[in-house]
Amino acid sequence: MDFKNEVVDLVASQVDLPKEKIAALIERPKNAKMGDYAFPAFILAKTLRKNPAMIAQDIAENLSSDNFASIKAVGPYVNFAIDHEKLVSSTLKDVLSEKEHYGDQKFGEGNIPIDMSSPNIAKPMSMGHLRSTVIGNSIAKTMEKVGYTPIKINYLGDYGTQFGKLIAAYKHWGNEEDVKKDPIMNLFHYYVRFHKEAENNPELDDEGREWFKKLEDGDPEAVKLWKWFREVSLEDFKRIYKELGVTFDSYNGEAFFNDKMQPVIDELKEKGLLHESRGAQVVDMGPDENPAIIVKSDGTSIYLTRDLAAAEWRMKEYNFVKMLYVVGNEQAQHFVELKTVLKKMGYDWSDEIHHVPFGLITQGGKKLSTRKGNVVFLDQVLKDAVSLAKKQIEEKNPDLADKDQVAHDVGVGAVIFHDLKNDRLDNFDFDLDEVVRFEGDTGPYVQYTNARAQSVLRKAAAMGEKPSEGDFALDDDWAFAVAKDLADFPRIIARSADKFEPSVIAKFALDLAKKFNKYYANVKILTKDDKIGARLALVQATSIVLTEALRLLGVNAPKEM
C-alpha cells in the first residue's frame, strides 16, 4: 500500500494544485511523534489570502481515512499519522509475497549502455579504479530493477599517446622474460620510470609520440607490442573483476574505434563544423569557450575523437534511451565538449548522454597517482580486507562453516559498501581498519544484521515456529519503525535510479539495519504467543529487503557470520 500516494490524493481533494506538485511538497516530519507525512500550507497563503495555519486547519477538518490514525493541523502543516497496524500488515504482505522482486518497477524501458571502470592496459588496477567499477555496477543493477536493460561497457584505455610512451619505455628498459614472469607490475614500473626520466630528458616524450604515431599507422612492431600488453592486462583485470563480482557485456576499448574515427572527422567536415586552428583541427564551442580539438597538430587523434566515434557506434548498435559515463569529476569538461559536438552534428539523442561524476579516494589526505608511483593496488586492498574479515570471524564465530567464503564476502563487500555509502561526488579517505569493522556504518554491520535475522529464523524453525502467512498484526513502535523503512524501499530504489546515486540505497540499508537491531534488542521475538508468527514475518521481510539492498550495491549477504 502506498500511503504517500493516498496523502497526495487526500490533499488534492481539497486544494487546487496538480498532484505532481503536491507530491513534491509532501515532507516527513523530523519528529516521528508529529506524524509520518506533512503537507505545508504556505504554498496556498498568497492565493487564498489566508494565514497558513488557518488553511491547514480547514484542510485537516475535511479529511479522513481508515489508513491514518490521525489527520490534524499542526501550525501551518497538515500532519498525517499512519495507522501502525495497517502499515505493518500491508507492508509485510507485500514483501513476503514478492520476495526478492519487492521494489521491482517498470518506469524504465530500453537499453542503457554504462561506460564504467575503464582501466588503462599495462597498469595494475588501483584503488582509483574502484569507484567507477562499483558505482557503475550498482547503477546497472538498479536500472535493471526499474525496468531498463543495462549494458556494462568496459571502455579499456588501450589507445593514445601513453601507449607510445610505454612502447618507448619497453624499448629502453624492457625485458621479455621479466614481463612474462610478472607482466602488469613490470610494465607499470617501466611506465613510472619513463615519466621520471622524462622530467630531465624531454626528448623521451617526443619518442613516445613517435611510437604512438607508428601504432596509429599500423607499424608491425608497435602493433605486436600493443596487442601483447593488452592481452596480459585484460587477463589480470578479469581476475580482479571476479573478486569484485563484476561482469561486463563489452570490452570494446578505445582501440576498437581507431578505424571509426576518420568517418566522424569526414562527417564534421561535411557539416562545416571543422576548421584549422594553430595546425589542429577543431570545432568551435562558442564565443567564450576554448575550441574542442578533434585532430592534434601532429595528425594524431585524442580522447574526444574516439569518444565521438564510440557514441555514434553505440547509438547504432544499442539504440539506447540513455547512455551513462561513470567517470571522475575531473573529466566534466570533456563530456560537455562531447555532448556539444554531437548536438552540433544534429544528434538530439546527445541530450540523453549523462556524465555520472564522482569524487576521489585519498589516503592520508593525499590523492593517489599512477604516474608518480603513489598508488594503492586494488588487488592488495581486497586481499587485506578478506584477511581482516577472517580474523574477526575467527574471534566471533570460530566454528563457522565455510569461513573462507564468508570472509571473502565480508571483506570484499566491506570495500564496496564503504565506497558506495559515500555520496558519489564526495571525496573520502580510505582506512581499511575502519572499513572492515563489524560495528558502525559499515558493510559488515549490515551483513551481520542480516545474518542475525537469519539466525532468529533458524532458531524459530527448530522450535517448530515459522513466519505467519496472513496475520501480521503488530502495533508496537519498534515493529512500526522497521516496517516503515521496508515500505519505503520501492521509493528508495526509484530515487537511486533517478539520481544515479547508489549511496541512497547504502544509507537506507544502514538505517534499516539500525532499526531492526533496536527491534531485536527491545522485543522478545521468540516468545511463544499468538504474535510470534507476525514477529517472525517481520524478521523474514527485513532479511529479504536487506539482502536485496546489498545485492543492488554488488555486495553478498551471508546467512551466517
Protein backbone atom coordinates (compact mmCIF):
# COMPACT_ATOMS: atom_id res chain seq x y z
CA MET A 1 0.00 0.00 0.00
CA ASP A 2 1.39 3.42 -0.95
CA PHE A 3 0.47 5.71 1.92
CA LYS A 4 2.17 8.74 0.38
CA ASN A 5 0.01 8.47 -2.74
CA GLU A 6 -3.07 8.40 -0.54
CA VAL A 7 -1.84 11.56 1.21
CA VAL A 8 -1.47 13.19 -2.22
CA ASP A 9 -4.98 12.11 -3.24
CA LEU A 10 -6.47 13.39 0.02
CA VAL A 11 -4.77 16.78 -0.23
CA ALA A 12 -5.70 17.03 -3.94
CA SER A 13 -9.36 16.65 -2.99
CA GLN A 14 -9.11 19.92 -1.02
CA VAL A 15 -6.63 22.14 -2.84
CA ASP A 16 -6.30 23.40 -6.40
CA LEU A 17 -2.83 22.07 -7.16
CA PRO A 18 -1.60 19.36 -9.58
CA LYS A 19 -0.86 16.04 -7.87
CA GLU A 20 2.74 16.17 -9.07
CA LYS A 21 3.19 19.49 -7.28
CA ILE A 22 1.58 18.15 -4.09
CA ALA A 23 3.79 15.05 -4.16
CA ALA A 24 6.89 17.25 -4.41
CA LEU A 25 5.74 19.32 -1.41
CA ILE A 26 5.00 16.41 0.95
CA GLU A 27 7.51 16.29 3.79
CA ARG A 28 8.44 13.80 6.51
CA PRO A 29 8.36 15.37 9.99
CA LYS A 30 11.72 15.11 11.76
CA ASN A 31 9.91 14.21 14.98
CA ALA A 32 8.01 10.93 14.48
CA LYS A 33 5.52 11.98 17.16
CA MET A 34 4.31 14.69 14.78
CA GLY A 35 3.20 12.10 12.22
CA ASP A 36 4.56 10.36 9.15
CA TYR A 37 3.76 12.85 6.38
CA ALA A 38 3.15 16.59 6.35
CA PHE A 39 1.71 18.98 3.78
CA PRO A 40 2.90 22.61 4.13
CA ALA A 41 0.10 25.11 3.63
CA PHE A 42 2.46 28.08 3.00
CA ILE A 43 2.20 27.48 -0.75
CA LEU A 44 -1.51 28.41 -0.66
CA ALA A 45 -1.29 31.53 1.51
CA LYS A 46 -0.78 34.02 -1.32
CA THR A 47 -3.55 32.57 -3.50
CA LEU A 48 -6.11 32.16 -0.71
CA ARG A 49 -5.00 35.30 1.17
CA LYS A 50 -5.26 33.48 4.48
CA ASN A 51 -2.95 32.58 7.32
CA PRO A 52 -1.21 29.24 6.51
CA ALA A 53 -2.23 27.86 9.93
CA MET A 54 -5.91 28.57 9.16
CA ILE A 55 -5.55 26.96 5.72
CA ALA A 56 -4.02 23.84 7.31
CA GLN A 57 -6.88 23.73 9.82
CA ASP A 58 -9.53 23.97 7.06
CA ILE A 59 -7.89 21.18 5.04
CA ALA A 60 -7.48 18.84 8.03
CA GLU A 61 -11.10 19.22 9.13
CA ASN A 62 -12.32 17.94 5.76
CA LEU A 63 -10.11 14.87 5.54
CA SER A 64 -10.50 11.36 6.91
CA SER A 65 -9.17 7.89 6.04
CA ASP A 66 -9.18 4.50 7.68
CA ASN A 67 -5.48 4.14 6.85
CA PHE A 68 -4.46 7.06 9.07
CA ALA A 69 -4.72 7.10 12.85
CA SER A 70 -4.95 10.90 12.76
CA ILE A 71 -5.03 13.80 10.31
CA LYS A 72 -4.61 17.14 12.06
CA ALA A 73 -3.28 20.65 11.63
CA VAL A 74 -0.07 21.49 13.47
CA GLY A 75 0.62 25.15 12.84
CA PRO A 76 0.91 25.67 9.05
CA TYR A 77 1.17 21.92 8.35
CA VAL A 78 -1.40 19.19 7.81
CA ASN A 79 0.12 16.15 9.52
CA PHE A 80 -0.81 12.56 8.68
CA ALA A 81 -0.10 9.74 11.15
CA ILE A 82 -0.32 6.28 9.61
CA ASP A 83 -2.29 3.55 11.37
CA HIS A 84 0.62 1.43 12.66
CA GLU A 85 -1.04 -1.93 12.38
CA LYS A 86 -2.23 -1.29 8.82
CA LEU A 87 1.19 -0.20 7.61
CA VAL A 88 2.90 -3.19 9.21
CA SER A 89 0.33 -5.60 7.87
CA SER A 90 0.21 -4.27 4.29
CA THR A 91 4.00 -3.94 4.05
CA LEU A 92 4.77 -7.44 5.33
CA LYS A 93 2.17 -8.85 2.97
CA ASP A 94 3.83 -7.09 0.02
CA VAL A 95 7.40 -8.06 0.92
CA LEU A 96 6.66 -11.71 1.70
CA SER A 97 4.56 -12.21 -1.43
CA GLU A 98 7.05 -10.52 -3.80
CA LYS A 99 10.26 -11.60 -2.00
CA GLU A 100 13.38 -10.54 -3.94
CA HIS A 101 11.13 -8.83 -6.53
CA TYR A 102 9.82 -6.43 -3.90
CA GLY A 103 10.65 -2.96 -5.16
CA ASP A 104 10.71 -4.00 -8.84
CA GLN A 105 9.35 -1.20 -11.01
CA LYS A 106 8.61 -0.67 -14.68
CA PHE A 107 9.04 3.05 -15.21
CA GLY A 108 12.14 2.41 -17.32
CA GLU A 109 12.35 0.70 -20.70
CA GLY A 110 15.10 0.31 -23.28
CA ASN A 111 18.87 -0.05 -23.40
CA ILE A 112 21.23 1.91 -21.19
CA PRO A 113 24.93 1.47 -22.06
CA ILE A 114 27.04 2.25 -18.99
CA ASP A 115 30.66 3.20 -19.70
CA MET A 116 32.46 2.21 -16.48
CA SER A 117 35.70 1.02 -14.87
CA SER A 118 37.86 1.53 -17.98
CA PRO A 119 41.38 0.95 -16.62
CA ASN A 120 44.43 1.57 -18.79
CA ILE A 121 46.18 -1.51 -20.08
CA ALA A 122 49.68 -2.25 -18.82
CA LYS A 123 48.89 -0.71 -15.43
CA PRO A 124 47.69 -2.59 -12.35
CA MET A 125 44.19 -1.73 -11.18
CA SER A 126 44.44 0.69 -8.30
CA MET A 127 42.01 1.98 -5.70
CA GLY A 128 41.45 4.82 -8.15
CA HIS A 129 39.61 2.36 -10.43
CA LEU A 130 37.36 1.07 -7.67
CA ARG A 131 34.86 3.93 -7.72
CA SER A 132 33.93 3.80 -11.41
CA THR A 133 33.69 0.00 -11.24
CA VAL A 134 31.42 -0.39 -8.20
CA ILE A 135 29.34 2.75 -8.82
CA GLY A 136 28.70 1.64 -12.41
CA ASN A 137 27.90 -1.91 -11.33
CA SER A 138 25.39 -0.76 -8.72
CA ILE A 139 23.73 1.67 -11.13
CA ALA A 140 23.40 -1.17 -13.66
CA LYS A 141 21.67 -3.40 -11.10
CA THR A 142 19.36 -0.58 -10.03
CA MET A 143 18.47 0.31 -13.62
CA GLU A 144 17.57 -3.31 -14.25
CA LYS A 145 15.40 -3.26 -11.09
CA VAL A 146 13.30 -0.41 -12.51
CA GLY A 147 12.87 -1.91 -15.99
CA TYR A 148 15.79 -0.81 -18.14
CA THR A 149 18.28 -3.12 -19.88
CA PRO A 150 21.76 -2.07 -18.74
CA ILE A 151 24.76 -2.81 -20.99
CA LYS A 152 28.00 -2.64 -19.00
CA ILE A 153 30.88 -1.45 -21.17
CA ASN A 154 34.48 -1.61 -20.04
CA TYR A 155 35.90 1.08 -22.31
CA LEU A 156 39.50 -0.01 -21.84
CA GLY A 157 42.18 2.64 -22.05
CA ASP A 158 44.04 0.71 -24.72
CA TYR A 159 45.00 3.53 -27.06
CA GLY A 160 46.50 7.00 -27.01
CA THR A 161 49.88 8.69 -26.57
CA GLN A 162 50.57 6.87 -23.29
CA PHE A 163 50.98 3.62 -25.23
CA GLY A 164 53.58 5.21 -27.43
CA LYS A 165 55.36 6.16 -24.20
CA LEU A 166 55.02 2.62 -22.86
CA ILE A 167 56.45 1.13 -26.06
CA ALA A 168 59.32 3.61 -25.87
CA ALA A 169 59.90 2.68 -22.22
CA TYR A 170 59.90 -1.03 -23.06
CA LYS A 171 62.35 -0.47 -25.89
CA HIS A 172 64.70 1.35 -23.50
CA TRP A 173 64.49 -0.81 -20.37
CA GLY A 174 62.19 -3.75 -21.11
CA ASN A 175 62.98 -7.41 -20.87
CA GLU A 176 60.67 -10.03 -22.37
CA GLU A 177 61.43 -12.65 -19.71
CA ASP A 178 60.68 -10.21 -16.88
CA VAL A 179 57.39 -9.21 -18.47
CA LYS A 180 56.37 -12.86 -18.87
CA LYS A 181 57.06 -13.51 -15.16
CA ASP A 182 55.05 -10.55 -13.86
CA PRO A 183 53.51 -8.65 -16.78
CA ILE A 184 51.49 -5.95 -15.11
CA MET A 185 53.92 -4.89 -12.41
CA ASN A 186 56.92 -4.76 -14.75
CA LEU A 187 55.06 -2.78 -17.40
CA PHE A 188 53.86 -0.46 -14.65
CA HIS A 189 57.43 0.11 -13.42
CA TYR A 190 58.55 0.91 -16.99
CA TYR A 191 55.74 3.47 -17.23
CA VAL A 192 56.62 5.15 -13.92
CA ARG A 193 60.33 5.20 -14.85
CA PHE A 194 59.54 6.79 -18.21
CA HIS A 195 57.85 9.77 -16.56
CA LYS A 196 60.62 10.21 -14.01
CA GLU A 197 63.30 10.09 -16.72
CA ALA A 198 61.30 12.41 -18.99
CA GLU A 199 61.41 15.15 -16.35
CA ASN A 200 65.16 15.51 -17.09
CA ASN A 201 65.05 14.27 -20.67
CA PRO A 202 62.13 15.84 -22.61
CA GLU A 203 63.23 14.02 -25.76
CA LEU A 204 61.68 10.87 -24.30
CA ASP A 205 58.24 12.44 -24.69
CA ASP A 206 58.99 13.01 -28.36
CA GLU A 207 59.92 9.33 -28.69
CA GLY A 208 56.64 8.35 -27.07
CA ARG A 209 54.66 10.48 -29.51
CA GLU A 210 56.58 8.98 -32.43
CA TRP A 211 55.82 5.44 -31.29
CA PHE A 212 52.12 6.27 -30.93
CA LYS A 213 52.09 7.68 -34.45
CA LYS A 214 53.66 4.40 -35.61
CA LEU A 215 50.94 2.49 -33.75
CA GLU A 216 48.23 4.54 -35.45
CA ASP A 217 49.89 3.94 -38.82
CA GLY A 218 49.95 0.16 -38.26
CA ASP A 219 53.69 -0.34 -37.72
CA PRO A 220 54.09 -4.15 -37.19
CA GLU A 221 56.40 -3.91 -34.16
CA ALA A 222 54.26 -1.27 -32.43
CA VAL A 223 51.06 -3.26 -33.06
CA LYS A 224 52.64 -6.53 -31.84
CA LEU A 225 53.81 -4.99 -28.57
CA TRP A 226 50.49 -3.20 -28.06
CA LYS A 227 48.49 -6.44 -28.55
CA TRP A 228 50.74 -8.26 -26.07
CA PHE A 229 50.37 -5.52 -23.44
CA ARG A 230 46.57 -5.56 -23.88
CA GLU A 231 46.25 -9.34 -23.64
CA VAL A 232 48.21 -9.73 -20.39
CA SER A 233 46.48 -6.72 -18.85
CA LEU A 234 42.97 -7.94 -19.60
CA GLU A 235 43.75 -11.33 -18.11
CA ASP A 236 44.77 -9.67 -14.84
CA PHE A 237 41.80 -7.29 -14.83
CA LYS A 238 39.32 -10.15 -15.22
CA ARG A 239 40.81 -11.88 -12.18
CA ILE A 240 40.15 -8.79 -10.04
CA TYR A 241 36.66 -8.25 -11.50
CA LYS A 242 35.86 -11.82 -10.47
CA GLU A 243 36.87 -10.93 -6.90
CA LEU A 244 34.52 -7.94 -7.01
CA GLY A 245 31.69 -9.95 -8.59
CA VAL A 246 31.56 -7.58 -11.57
CA THR A 247 30.97 -8.69 -15.16
CA PHE A 248 30.84 -6.78 -18.43
CA ASP A 249 28.87 -7.05 -21.66
CA SER A 250 31.62 -5.44 -23.73
CA TYR A 251 35.37 -4.88 -23.53
CA ASN A 252 35.48 -2.67 -26.62
CA GLY A 253 38.14 -0.16 -25.66
CA GLU A 254 39.45 2.96 -27.36
CA ALA A 255 41.38 0.95 -29.95
CA PHE A 256 38.15 -0.63 -31.22
CA PHE A 257 37.20 2.79 -32.56
CA ASN A 258 40.53 3.54 -34.27
CA ASP A 259 39.12 2.76 -37.74
CA LYS A 260 35.84 4.53 -36.92
CA MET A 261 37.34 7.97 -36.26
CA GLN A 262 38.01 9.06 -39.85
CA PRO A 263 34.33 8.80 -40.85
CA VAL A 264 33.49 11.07 -37.89
CA ILE A 265 36.18 13.56 -38.95
CA ASP A 266 34.82 13.46 -42.51
CA GLU A 267 31.29 13.97 -41.18
CA LEU A 268 32.39 17.02 -39.19
CA LYS A 269 34.00 18.45 -42.33
CA GLU A 270 30.90 17.78 -44.45
CA LYS A 271 28.71 19.55 -41.89
CA GLY A 272 31.03 22.57 -41.88
CA LEU A 273 31.95 22.17 -38.24
CA LEU A 274 35.68 21.52 -38.54
CA HIS A 275 38.29 24.21 -39.09
CA GLU A 276 42.00 24.71 -38.55
CA SER A 277 43.47 26.43 -35.51
CA ARG A 278 47.22 26.52 -34.87
CA GLY A 279 47.69 23.47 -37.04
CA ALA A 280 45.00 21.43 -35.26
CA GLN A 281 41.50 20.56 -36.50
CA VAL A 282 38.90 21.94 -34.05
CA VAL A 283 35.18 22.54 -33.53
CA ASP A 284 34.08 25.90 -32.09
CA MET A 285 32.34 25.62 -28.71
CA GLY A 286 31.09 29.19 -28.55
CA PRO A 287 32.40 32.73 -28.16
CA ASP A 288 33.62 32.34 -24.56
CA GLU A 289 34.82 28.74 -24.77
CA ASN A 290 38.02 27.11 -25.99
CA PRO A 291 37.51 25.11 -29.20
CA ALA A 292 37.27 21.30 -28.99
CA ILE A 293 40.34 19.69 -30.55
CA ILE A 294 39.49 16.79 -32.87
CA VAL A 295 42.87 16.18 -34.57
CA LYS A 296 46.11 17.45 -32.99
CA SER A 297 48.69 19.41 -34.97
CA ASP A 298 50.85 16.28 -35.33
CA GLY A 299 47.96 14.45 -37.01
CA THR A 300 47.07 12.17 -34.09
CA SER A 301 43.61 11.76 -32.58
CA ILE A 302 42.62 12.42 -28.97
CA TYR A 303 40.07 11.07 -26.48
CA LEU A 304 37.27 13.25 -27.86
CA THR A 305 37.72 11.93 -31.40
CA ARG A 306 37.39 8.34 -30.21
CA ASP A 307 34.50 9.14 -27.86
CA LEU A 308 32.56 10.76 -30.71
CA ALA A 309 33.07 7.61 -32.79
CA ALA A 310 32.13 5.44 -29.81
CA ALA A 311 28.93 7.41 -29.12
CA GLU A 312 27.76 7.14 -32.74
CA TRP A 313 28.60 3.43 -32.87
CA ARG A 314 26.81 2.70 -29.59
CA MET A 315 23.69 4.51 -30.75
CA LYS A 316 23.61 2.39 -33.91
CA GLU A 317 24.45 -0.82 -32.04
CA TYR A 318 22.24 -0.42 -28.95
CA ASN A 319 19.63 2.22 -29.89
CA PHE A 320 19.92 3.49 -26.34
CA VAL A 321 17.40 5.55 -24.40
CA LYS A 322 20.15 6.86 -22.12
CA MET A 323 23.92 6.45 -22.06
CA LEU A 324 25.90 6.86 -18.86
CA TYR A 325 29.59 7.63 -18.43
CA VAL A 326 30.72 6.76 -14.89
CA VAL A 327 33.90 8.81 -14.96
CA GLY A 328 35.66 11.04 -12.41
CA ASN A 329 34.55 14.59 -11.79
CA GLU A 330 37.77 15.99 -13.26
CA GLN A 331 36.58 14.92 -16.74
CA ALA A 332 33.46 17.10 -16.63
CA GLN A 333 34.65 19.48 -19.38
CA HIS A 334 35.38 16.56 -21.70
CA PHE A 335 31.75 15.43 -21.56
CA VAL A 336 30.50 18.97 -22.07
CA GLU A 337 32.52 19.00 -25.30
CA LEU A 338 31.32 15.53 -26.31
CA LYS A 339 27.65 16.42 -25.91
CA THR A 340 28.07 19.84 -27.53
CA VAL A 341 29.82 18.48 -30.63
CA LEU A 342 27.24 15.70 -31.03
CA LYS A 343 24.45 18.25 -30.71
CA LYS A 344 26.09 20.46 -33.36
CA MET A 345 26.23 17.38 -35.60
CA GLY A 346 22.44 17.19 -35.33
CA TYR A 347 22.19 14.28 -32.89
CA ASP A 348 19.43 15.20 -30.44
CA TRP A 349 19.96 11.87 -28.65
CA SER A 350 23.03 13.55 -27.13
CA ASP A 351 20.57 15.03 -24.59
CA GLU A 352 20.30 11.54 -23.12
CA ILE A 353 24.04 11.23 -22.56
CA HIS A 354 24.79 11.65 -18.86
CA HIS A 355 28.16 12.09 -17.22
CA VAL A 356 27.95 10.38 -13.79
CA PRO A 357 30.87 12.00 -11.95
CA PHE A 358 32.41 11.00 -8.64
CA GLY A 359 34.96 12.29 -6.15
CA LEU A 360 38.41 10.99 -5.27
CA ILE A 361 39.61 8.30 -2.91
CA THR A 362 42.53 9.65 -0.90
CA GLN A 363 44.89 8.02 1.56
CA GLY A 364 46.24 10.08 4.40
CA GLY A 365 44.58 13.03 2.70
CA LYS A 366 46.72 12.64 -0.43
CA LYS A 367 45.49 11.98 -3.96
CA LEU A 368 46.57 8.69 -5.48
CA SER A 369 48.61 8.96 -8.70
CA THR A 370 49.73 6.14 -11.00
CA ARG A 371 52.08 8.40 -12.94
CA LYS A 372 54.02 9.41 -9.82
CA GLY A 373 54.00 5.89 -8.43
CA ASN A 374 51.85 6.97 -5.44
CA VAL A 375 49.33 4.20 -5.89
CA VAL A 376 47.46 1.68 -3.76
CA PHE A 377 46.84 -1.54 -5.67
CA LEU A 378 43.24 -2.77 -5.57
CA ASP A 379 44.31 -6.42 -5.61
CA GLN A 380 46.27 -6.00 -2.36
CA VAL A 381 43.48 -4.00 -0.69
CA LEU A 382 40.98 -6.79 -1.38
CA LYS A 383 43.36 -9.44 -0.04
CA ASP A 384 43.97 -7.40 3.13
CA ALA A 385 40.23 -6.80 3.58
CA VAL A 386 39.46 -10.52 3.34
CA SER A 387 42.26 -11.27 5.81
CA LEU A 388 40.90 -8.71 8.31
CA ALA A 389 37.38 -10.10 7.93
CA LYS A 390 38.58 -13.66 8.54
CA LYS A 391 40.42 -12.59 11.68
CA GLN A 392 37.23 -11.08 13.13
CA ILE A 393 35.16 -14.11 12.14
CA GLU A 394 37.67 -16.38 13.90
CA GLU A 395 37.21 -14.29 17.06
CA LYS A 396 33.40 -14.05 16.90
CA ASN A 397 32.42 -17.42 15.44
CA PRO A 398 35.37 -19.87 15.24
CA ASP A 399 33.10 -22.82 14.40
CA LEU A 400 31.51 -21.11 11.38
CA ALA A 401 31.27 -23.37 8.34
CA ASP A 402 32.75 -22.12 5.06
CA LYS A 403 34.77 -19.42 6.82
CA ASP A 404 36.86 -18.63 3.75
CA GLN A 405 33.85 -17.85 1.57
CA VAL A 406 32.18 -15.76 4.29
CA ALA A 407 35.45 -13.87 4.90
CA HIS A 408 35.66 -13.15 1.17
CA ASP A 409 32.05 -11.92 1.01
CA VAL A 410 32.54 -9.74 4.09
CA GLY A 411 35.98 -8.37 3.21
CA VAL A 412 35.25 -7.55 -0.43
CA GLY A 413 31.73 -6.41 0.47
CA ALA A 414 33.16 -4.05 3.09
CA VAL A 415 35.35 -2.31 0.50
CA ILE A 416 32.46 -1.98 -1.97
CA PHE A 417 29.96 -0.80 0.66
CA HIS A 418 32.35 1.79 2.07
CA ASP A 419 32.72 3.33 -1.38
CA LEU A 420 29.00 3.34 -2.10
CA LYS A 421 27.79 4.65 1.27
CA ASN A 422 29.51 7.95 0.45
CA ASP A 423 27.68 10.46 -1.71
CA ARG A 424 29.02 9.90 -5.20
CA LEU A 425 30.52 13.39 -5.59
CA ASP A 426 32.27 13.41 -2.22
CA ASN A 427 35.96 12.70 -1.78
CA PHE A 428 36.78 10.28 1.03
CA ASP A 429 39.85 8.98 2.82
CA PHE A 430 40.34 5.22 2.86
CA ASP A 431 41.28 3.43 6.09
CA LEU A 432 40.96 -0.34 5.80
CA ASP A 433 40.67 -0.96 9.55
CA GLU A 434 37.62 1.32 9.68
CA VAL A 435 36.12 -0.19 6.54
CA VAL A 436 36.09 -3.82 7.76
CA ARG A 437 34.71 -3.17 11.25
CA PHE A 438 31.63 -5.17 12.23
CA GLU A 439 30.25 -2.16 14.13
CA GLY A 440 29.36 1.31 12.90
CA ASP A 441 28.27 2.47 9.46
CA THR A 442 29.91 -0.38 7.57
CA GLY A 443 29.03 -3.13 5.13
CA PRO A 444 29.87 -5.87 7.68
CA TYR A 445 27.39 -4.27 10.12
CA VAL A 446 24.58 -4.59 7.56
CA GLN A 447 25.67 -8.13 6.63
CA TYR A 448 25.84 -9.11 10.31
CA THR A 449 22.33 -7.71 10.88
CA ASN A 450 21.01 -9.87 8.06
CA ALA A 451 22.85 -12.91 9.44
CA ARG A 452 21.27 -12.17 12.85
CA ALA A 453 17.80 -12.17 11.25
CA GLN A 454 18.57 -15.49 9.56
CA SER A 455 19.75 -16.92 12.90
CA VAL A 456 16.43 -15.97 14.52
CA LEU A 457 14.54 -17.74 11.72
CA ARG A 458 16.67 -20.89 12.15
CA LYS A 459 16.05 -20.92 15.91
CA ALA A 460 12.31 -20.46 15.29
CA ALA A 461 12.28 -23.38 12.85
CA ALA A 462 13.97 -25.56 15.45
CA MET A 463 11.12 -24.62 17.83
CA GLY A 464 8.57 -25.60 15.20
CA GLU A 465 7.63 -21.97 14.52
CA LYS A 466 7.57 -20.12 11.20
CA PRO A 467 6.63 -16.69 9.83
CA SER A 468 2.92 -16.03 9.52
CA GLU A 469 1.45 -16.14 6.03
CA GLY A 470 -1.53 -13.92 6.71
CA ASP A 471 -1.84 -12.50 10.23
CA PHE A 472 0.69 -9.67 10.52
CA ALA A 473 -0.99 -7.68 13.31
CA LEU A 474 1.83 -5.82 15.10
CA ASP A 475 1.37 -2.34 16.51
CA ASP A 476 4.40 -1.71 18.73
CA ASP A 477 6.65 1.24 17.90
CA TRP A 478 9.73 -0.94 17.22
CA ALA A 479 7.93 -3.04 14.61
CA PHE A 480 6.39 0.07 13.06
CA ALA A 481 9.82 1.74 12.66
CA VAL A 482 11.14 -1.33 10.80
CA ALA A 483 8.02 -1.72 8.64
CA LYS A 484 8.05 1.97 7.76
CA ASP A 485 11.55 1.55 6.32
CA LEU A 486 10.51 -1.61 4.48
CA ALA A 487 7.57 0.25 2.96
CA ASP A 488 9.95 2.96 1.76
CA PHE A 489 12.21 0.58 -0.20
CA PRO A 490 10.50 0.99 -3.62
CA ARG A 491 10.77 4.79 -3.33
CA ILE A 492 14.44 4.47 -2.34
CA ILE A 493 15.15 2.36 -5.44
CA ALA A 494 13.36 4.84 -7.72
CA ARG A 495 15.30 7.75 -6.21
CA SER A 496 18.62 5.94 -6.56
CA ALA A 497 17.84 5.19 -10.23
CA ASP A 498 16.73 8.75 -10.94
CA LYS A 499 19.84 10.31 -9.36
CA PHE A 500 22.31 7.61 -10.47
CA GLU A 501 23.21 7.53 -6.77
CA PRO A 502 23.95 4.18 -5.05
CA SER A 503 24.55 5.90 -1.69
CA VAL A 504 20.76 6.32 -1.37
CA ILE A 505 20.45 2.52 -1.14
CA ALA A 506 23.52 2.09 1.09
CA LYS A 507 22.25 4.67 3.59
CA PHE A 508 18.83 3.05 3.55
CA ALA A 509 20.41 -0.36 4.31
CA LEU A 510 22.28 1.12 7.29
CA ASP A 511 19.13 2.78 8.61
CA LEU A 512 17.05 -0.40 8.25
CA ALA A 513 19.78 -2.43 9.98
CA LYS A 514 19.80 0.01 12.91
CA LYS A 515 16.00 -0.05 13.20
CA PHE A 516 15.98 -3.87 13.13
CA ASN A 517 18.70 -4.12 15.77
CA LYS A 518 16.65 -1.85 18.04
CA TYR A 519 13.65 -4.12 17.45
CA TYR A 520 15.81 -7.17 18.25
CA ALA A 521 17.07 -5.55 21.46
CA ASN A 522 13.63 -4.45 22.72
CA VAL A 523 11.26 -7.22 21.63
CA LYS A 524 11.32 -10.89 22.66
CA ILE A 525 10.82 -12.25 19.16
CA LEU A 526 10.78 -15.98 20.00
CA THR A 527 8.26 -15.81 22.86
CA LYS A 528 5.56 -18.40 22.10
CA ASP A 529 2.34 -16.42 21.91
CA ASP A 530 -0.28 -15.52 19.30
CA LYS A 531 2.01 -12.92 17.66
CA ILE A 532 5.18 -14.97 17.19
CA GLY A 533 4.30 -15.68 13.55
CA ALA A 534 3.83 -11.97 12.84
CA ARG A 535 7.13 -11.12 14.53
CA LEU A 536 8.93 -13.79 12.50
CA ALA A 537 7.30 -12.38 9.35
CA LEU A 538 8.85 -9.02 10.20
CA VAL A 539 12.25 -10.68 10.66
CA GLN A 540 11.95 -12.53 7.35
CA ALA A 541 10.82 -9.39 5.49
CA THR A 542 13.78 -7.47 6.92
CA SER A 543 16.20 -10.15 5.73
CA ILE A 544 14.64 -10.14 2.24
CA VAL A 545 14.99 -6.37 1.88
CA LEU A 546 18.49 -6.16 3.39
CA THR A 547 19.66 -8.94 1.07
CA GLU A 548 18.16 -7.19 -1.95
CA ALA A 549 19.58 -3.79 -0.95
CA LEU A 550 23.05 -5.34 -0.62
CA ARG A 551 22.63 -7.11 -3.98
CA LEU A 552 21.83 -3.80 -5.66
CA LEU A 553 25.12 -2.50 -4.26
CA GLY A 554 27.02 -5.54 -5.55
CA VAL A 555 27.53 -6.97 -2.04
CA ASN A 556 26.80 -10.57 -1.00
CA ALA A 557 24.72 -11.32 2.12
CA PRO A 558 25.99 -14.41 4.02
CA LYS A 559 23.31 -16.17 6.07
CA GLU A 560 25.82 -16.89 8.82
CA MET A 561 28.72 -14.82 10.11
